[in-house]
Amino acid sequence: MKKLIMIIPFILGYNSVQHSEVEPIVEIKTKDIVVDVTPPNVVDSLDLTPLVNAMIMVESAGNDSAYNHSEKAVGCLQIRPIMLRECNRILALTKSNVRYNLSDRWNRGKSIEIFYIVSNYHHKEGVYEEIARAWNGGPKWSEKSGTERYWNKVQNKLKEDEYSNHRLSEV
């Protein structure tokens, strides 16, 4: 299962290999119109794949069907309705025709797309800790001690992974 989780972002095209031109990482077809969704910092030097994989393990233990009734959090990244609204707001600001609905949170690929859209919009120059804690605690993540505990869990998963040499604590 761990190998599958590590491979999925690569299948979807989520990597940060340097390109001379920005290429779309996801093509979404809606009513026979192809829309390119290219997160703003895909071509920078920070590869978010290890972070996404660690967060999936912390959020849902890799379970795409995970559901937290009290928070209405769904899927592998435990996406709440408010996060989905933020993603759709960002898409509207960027003049994209793409929108996600509540049922998309059950789909691993779409959940990862939502994560990239939100994270790349709010944390273009972010590091793993900032991105993870904001995902967990929202805009006031730095004021919430619970996000420190969350970051420690994500960091432990990263250390278990072969990617432990990535930017773990630069904030």
C-alpha atoms as a PDB file:
ATOM      1  CA  MET A   1       0.000   0.000   0.000  1.00  0.00           C
ATOM      2  CA  LYS A   2       2.841   2.398   0.869  1.00  0.00           C
ATOM      3  CA  LYS A   3       4.400   1.928  -2.570  1.00  0.00           C
ATOM      4  CA  LEU A   4       1.040   2.626  -4.244  1.00  0.00           C
ATOM      5  CA  ILE A   5       0.626   5.857  -2.287  1.00  0.00           C
ATOM      6  CA  MET A   6       4.104   6.965  -3.309  1.00  0.00           C
ATOM      7  CA  ILE A   7       3.457   6.177  -6.971  1.00  0.00           C
ATOM      8  CA  ILE A   8       0.035   7.826  -7.346  1.00  0.00           C
ATOM      9  CA  PRO A   9       1.290  11.437  -7.441  1.00  0.00           C
ATOM     10  CA  PHE A  10       3.785  10.474 -10.138  1.00  0.00           C
ATOM     11  CA  ILE A  11       1.035   8.831 -12.175  1.00  0.00           C
ATOM     12  CA  LEU A  12      -0.984  12.019 -11.858  1.00  0.00           C
ATOM     13  CA  GLY A  13       2.055  14.040 -12.882  1.00  0.00           C
ATOM     14  CA  TYR A  14       2.752  15.769  -9.581  1.00  0.00           C
ATOM     15  CA  ASN A  15       6.434  16.440  -9.484  1.00  0.00           C
ATOM     16  CA  SER A  16       8.541  19.511  -9.558  1.00  0.00           C
ATOM     17  CA  VAL A  17      11.083  18.760 -12.226  1.00  0.00           C
ATOM     18  CA  GLN A  18      12.482  21.991 -13.629  1.00  0.00           C
ATOM     19  CA  HIS A  19      10.886  22.869 -16.961  1.00  0.00           C
ATOM     20  CA  SER A  20      11.657  25.712 -19.302  1.00  0.00           C
ATOM     21  CA  GLU A  21       7.932  26.199 -19.816  1.00  0.00           C
ATOM     22  CA  VAL A  22       5.081  25.554 -17.402  1.00  0.00           C
ATOM     23  CA  GLU A  23       3.203  22.499 -18.560  1.00  0.00           C
ATOM     24  CA  PRO A  24      -0.237  21.581 -17.254  1.00  0.00           C
ATOM     25  CA  ILE A  25      -0.090  18.769 -14.758  1.00  0.00           C
ATOM     26  CA  VAL A  26      -3.764  17.910 -14.948  1.00  0.00           C
ATOM     27  CA  GLU A  27      -6.228  18.190 -17.756  1.00  0.00           C
ATOM     28  CA  ILE A  28      -9.824  18.240 -16.632  1.00  0.00           C
ATOM     29  CA  LYS A  29     -12.592  17.760 -19.161  1.00  0.00           C
ATOM     30  CA  THR A  30     -15.888  19.464 -18.478  1.00  0.00           C
ATOM     31  CA  LYS A  31     -18.620  19.450 -21.143  1.00  0.00           C
ATOM     32  CA  ASP A  32     -16.094  18.681 -23.898  1.00  0.00           C
ATOM     33  CA  ILE A  33     -13.868  21.603 -22.853  1.00  0.00           C
ATOM     34  CA  VAL A  34     -10.356  20.782 -21.696  1.00  0.00           C
ATOM     35  CA  VAL A  35      -9.132  22.984 -18.863  1.00  0.00           C
ATOM     36  CA  ASP A  36      -5.514  22.950 -17.748  1.00  0.00           C
ATOM     37  CA  VAL A  37      -5.007  23.148 -14.003  1.00  0.00           C
ATOM     38  CA  THR A  38      -1.407  24.105 -13.392  1.00  0.00           C
ATOM     39  CA  PRO A  39      -0.583  24.979  -9.803  1.00  0.00           C
ATOM     40  CA  PRO A  40       1.512  28.171  -9.695  1.00  0.00           C
ATOM     41  CA  ASN A  41       4.701  26.731  -8.216  1.00  0.00           C
ATOM     42  CA  VAL A  42       4.911  23.308  -9.803  1.00  0.00           C
ATOM     43  CA  VAL A  43       8.208  24.237 -11.399  1.00  0.00           C
ATOM     44  CA  ASP A  44       9.940  25.427  -8.262  1.00  0.00           C
ATOM     45  CA  SER A  45      12.457  23.410  -6.305  1.00  0.00           C
ATOM     46  CA  LEU A  46      10.117  22.131  -3.580  1.00  0.00           C
ATOM     47  CA  ASP A  47       8.686  18.705  -4.366  1.00  0.00           C
ATOM     48  CA  LEU A  48       5.453  18.305  -2.391  1.00  0.00           C
ATOM     49  CA  THR A  49       4.987  14.622  -3.229  1.00  0.00           C
ATOM     50  CA  PRO A  50       6.613  13.299  -0.030  1.00  0.00           C
ATOM     51  CA  LEU A  51       4.604  15.774   2.044  1.00  0.00           C
ATOM     52  CA  VAL A  52       1.323  14.772   0.401  1.00  0.00           C
ATOM     53  CA  ASN A  53       2.099  11.096   0.954  1.00  0.00           C
ATOM     54  CA  ALA A  54       2.927  11.671   4.637  1.00  0.00           C
ATOM     55  CA  MET A  55      -0.183  13.788   5.163  1.00  0.00           C
ATOM     56  CA  ILE A  56      -2.372  11.110   3.580  1.00  0.00           C
ATOM     57  CA  MET A  57      -0.996   8.590   6.059  1.00  0.00           C
ATOM     58  CA  VAL A  58      -1.552  10.940   9.019  1.00  0.00           C
ATOM     59  CA  GLU A  59      -5.008  12.100   7.900  1.00  0.00           C
ATOM     60  CA  SER A  60      -6.528   8.760   6.891  1.00  0.00           C
ATOM     61  CA  ALA A  61      -3.902   5.997   7.123  1.00  0.00           C
ATOM     62  CA  GLY A  62      -4.207   5.888   3.336  1.00  0.00           C
ATOM     63  CA  ASN A  63      -7.948   5.216   3.391  1.00  0.00           C
ATOM     64  CA  ASP A  64      -9.784   6.971   0.542  1.00  0.00           C
ATOM     65  CA  SER A  65     -13.095   6.182   2.260  1.00  0.00           C
ATOM     66  CA  ALA A  66     -12.177   7.787   5.593  1.00  0.00           C
ATOM     67  CA  TYR A  67     -14.927   9.944   7.086  1.00  0.00           C
ATOM     68  CA  ASN A  68     -14.919  12.109  10.206  1.00  0.00           C
ATOM     69  CA  HIS A  69     -18.552  12.820  10.998  1.00  0.00           C
ATOM     70  CA  SER A  70     -17.892  15.561  13.582  1.00  0.00           C
ATOM     71  CA  GLU A  71     -15.828  17.638  11.133  1.00  0.00           C
ATOM     72  CA  LYS A  72     -17.516  16.430   7.938  1.00  0.00           C
ATOM     73  CA  ALA A  73     -14.013  15.641   6.716  1.00  0.00           C
ATOM     74  CA  VAL A  74     -13.811  13.171   3.838  1.00  0.00           C
ATOM     75  CA  GLY A  75     -11.282  11.109   1.935  1.00  0.00           C
ATOM     76  CA  CYS A  76      -7.573  10.456   2.073  1.00  0.00           C
ATOM     77  CA  LEU A  77      -6.719  14.081   2.952  1.00  0.00           C
ATOM     78  CA  GLN A  78      -9.795  14.605   5.176  1.00  0.00           C
ATOM     79  CA  ILE A  79     -11.061  17.596   3.212  1.00  0.00           C
ATOM     80  CA  ARG A  80     -13.733  19.656   4.946  1.00  0.00           C
ATOM     81  CA  PRO A  81     -16.431  21.558   3.043  1.00  0.00           C
ATOM     82  CA  ILE A  82     -14.780  24.893   3.901  1.00  0.00           C
ATOM     83  CA  MET A  83     -11.519  23.777   2.241  1.00  0.00           C
ATOM     84  CA  LEU A  84     -13.438  22.775  -0.862  1.00  0.00           C
ATOM     85  CA  ARG A  85     -15.079  26.225  -0.943  1.00  0.00           C
ATOM     86  CA  GLU A  86     -11.629  27.811  -0.670  1.00  0.00           C
ATOM     87  CA  CYS A  87     -10.362  25.700  -3.562  1.00  0.00           C
ATOM     88  CA  ASN A  88     -13.317  26.733  -5.727  1.00  0.00           C
ATOM     89  CA  ARG A  89     -12.788  30.375  -4.721  1.00  0.00           C
ATOM     90  CA  ILE A  90      -9.161  30.159  -5.867  1.00  0.00           C
ATOM     91  CA  LEU A  91     -10.216  28.565  -9.134  1.00  0.00           C
ATOM     92  CA  ALA A  92     -12.714  31.384  -9.701  1.00  0.00           C
ATOM     93  CA  LEU A  93     -10.047  34.015  -8.960  1.00  0.00           C
ATOM     94  CA  THR A  94      -7.744  32.398 -11.503  1.00  0.00           C
ATOM     95  CA  LYS A  95     -10.555  32.412 -14.079  1.00  0.00           C
ATOM     96  CA  SER A  96     -10.661  28.622 -14.276  1.00  0.00           C
ATOM     97  CA  ASN A  97     -13.886  26.937 -15.333  1.00  0.00           C
ATOM     98  CA  VAL A  98     -13.085  23.958 -13.118  1.00  0.00           C
ATOM     99  CA  ARG A  99     -15.009  23.508  -9.873  1.00  0.00           C
ATOM    100  CA  TYR A 100     -15.004  20.655  -7.388  1.00  0.00           C
ATOM    101  CA  ASN A 101     -18.035  19.287  -5.574  1.00  0.00           C
ATOM    102  CA  LEU A 102     -18.369  17.568  -2.212  1.00  0.00           C
ATOM    103  CA  SER A 103     -18.286  14.074  -3.718  1.00  0.00           C
ATOM    104  CA  ASP A 104     -14.877  14.790  -5.317  1.00  0.00           C
ATOM    105  CA  ARG A 105     -13.312  14.555  -1.852  1.00  0.00           C
ATOM    106  CA  TRP A 106     -13.770  10.756  -1.979  1.00  0.00           C
ATOM    107  CA  ASN A 107     -11.504  10.550  -5.043  1.00  0.00           C
ATOM    108  CA  ARG A 108      -7.780  10.389  -4.218  1.00  0.00           C
ATOM    109  CA  GLY A 109      -6.674  12.089  -7.418  1.00  0.00           C
ATOM    110  CA  LYS A 110      -9.121  14.959  -7.018  1.00  0.00           C
ATOM    111  CA  SER A 111      -8.257  15.316  -3.336  1.00  0.00           C
ATOM    112  CA  ILE A 112      -4.595  15.704  -4.260  1.00  0.00           C
ATOM    113  CA  GLU A 113      -5.524  18.247  -6.938  1.00  0.00           C
ATOM    114  CA  ILE A 114      -7.471  20.233  -4.327  1.00  0.00           C
ATOM    115  CA  PHE A 115      -4.474  20.099  -1.988  1.00  0.00           C
ATOM    116  CA  TYR A 116      -2.116  21.396  -4.699  1.00  0.00           C
ATOM    117  CA  ILE A 117      -4.452  24.202  -5.741  1.00  0.00           C
ATOM    118  CA  VAL A 118      -4.915  25.469  -2.182  1.00  0.00           C
ATOM    119  CA  SER A 119      -1.310  24.974  -1.076  1.00  0.00           C
ATOM    120  CA  ASN A 120       0.226  26.542  -4.145  1.00  0.00           C
ATOM    121  CA  TYR A 121      -2.053  29.552  -3.911  1.00  0.00           C
ATOM    122  CA  HIS A 122      -1.406  30.258  -0.223  1.00  0.00           C
ATOM    123  CA  HIS A 123       2.156  28.965   0.144  1.00  0.00           C
ATOM    124  CA  LYS A 124       4.067  29.665  -3.059  1.00  0.00           C
ATOM    125  CA  GLU A 125       7.313  29.964  -1.114  1.00  0.00           C
ATOM    126  CA  GLY A 126       6.175  27.690   1.696  1.00  0.00           C
ATOM    127  CA  VAL A 127       8.049  24.886   3.344  1.00  0.00           C
ATOM    128  CA  TYR A 128       6.693  21.554   4.475  1.00  0.00           C
ATOM    129  CA  GLU A 129       5.897  22.633   8.043  1.00  0.00           C
ATOM    130  CA  GLU A 130       4.020  25.766   6.995  1.00  0.00           C
ATOM    131  CA  ILE A 131       2.050  23.918   4.315  1.00  0.00           C
ATOM    132  CA  ALA A 132       1.112  20.999   6.588  1.00  0.00           C
ATOM    133  CA  ARG A 133       0.157  23.117   9.586  1.00  0.00           C
ATOM    134  CA  ALA A 134      -1.949  25.451   7.437  1.00  0.00           C
ATOM    135  CA  TRP A 135      -3.725  22.468   5.856  1.00  0.00           C
ATOM    136  CA  ASN A 136      -4.543  21.217   9.333  1.00  0.00           C
ATOM    137  CA  GLY A 137      -5.317  24.494  11.088  1.00  0.00           C
ATOM    138  CA  GLY A 138      -6.357  26.975   8.440  1.00  0.00           C
ATOM    139  CA  PRO A 139      -5.217  30.576   8.123  1.00  0.00           C
ATOM    140  CA  LYS A 140      -4.376  30.967  11.820  1.00  0.00           C
ATOM    141  CA  TRP A 141      -2.358  27.751  11.995  1.00  0.00           C
ATOM    142  CA  SER A 142       0.598  29.404  13.713  1.00  0.00           C
ATOM    143  CA  GLU A 143      -1.595  30.313  16.686  1.00  0.00           C
ATOM    144  CA  LYS A 144      -2.902  26.785  17.194  1.00  0.00           C
ATOM    145  CA  SER A 145      -0.901  24.322  19.283  1.00  0.00           C
ATOM    146  CA  GLY A 146      -2.779  21.405  17.728  1.00  0.00           C
ATOM    147  CA  THR A 147      -1.049  22.099  14.442  1.00  0.00           C
ATOM    148  CA  GLU A 148       2.309  21.493  16.164  1.00  0.00           C
ATOM    149  CA  ARG A 149       1.147  18.005  17.158  1.00  0.00           C
ATOM    150  CA  TYR A 150      -0.094  17.454  13.600  1.00  0.00           C
ATOM    151  CA  TRP A 151       3.240  18.599  12.164  1.00  0.00           C
ATOM    152  CA  ASN A 152       5.102  16.220  14.487  1.00  0.00           C
ATOM    153  CA  LYS A 153       3.016  13.316  13.162  1.00  0.00           C
ATOM    154  CA  VAL A 154       3.627  14.344   9.541  1.00  0.00           C
ATOM    155  CA  GLN A 155       7.328  14.824  10.231  1.00  0.00           C
ATOM    156  CA  ASN A 156       7.545  11.334  11.760  1.00  0.00           C
ATOM    157  CA  LYS A 157       5.933   9.863   8.632  1.00  0.00           C
ATOM    158  CA  LEU A 158       8.406  11.783   6.474  1.00  0.00           C
ATOM    159  CA  LYS A 159      11.294  10.412   8.524  1.00  0.00           C
ATOM    160  CA  GLU A 160       9.962   6.874   8.036  1.00  0.00           C
ATOM    161  CA  ASP A 161       9.961   7.520   4.322  1.00  0.00           C
ATOM    162  CA  GLU A 162      12.990   7.584   2.058  1.00  0.00           C
ATOM    163  CA  TYR A 163      12.373  11.290   1.495  1.00  0.00           C
ATOM    164  CA  SER A 164      13.516  12.378   4.935  1.00  0.00           C
ATOM    165  CA  ASN A 165      16.137  14.704   3.489  1.00  0.00           C
ATOM    166  CA  HIS A 166      13.529  17.183   2.194  1.00  0.00           C
ATOM    167  CA  ARG A 167      12.827  20.575   3.772  1.00  0.00           C
ATOM    168  CA  LEU A 168      11.329  19.442   7.063  1.00  0.00           C
ATOM    169  CA  SER A 169      11.667  22.384   9.402  1.00  0.00           C
ATOM    170  CA  GLU A 170      12.581  25.522   7.472  1.00  0.00           C
ATOM    171  CA  VAL A 171      10.002  28.132   8.388  1.00  0.00           C
END
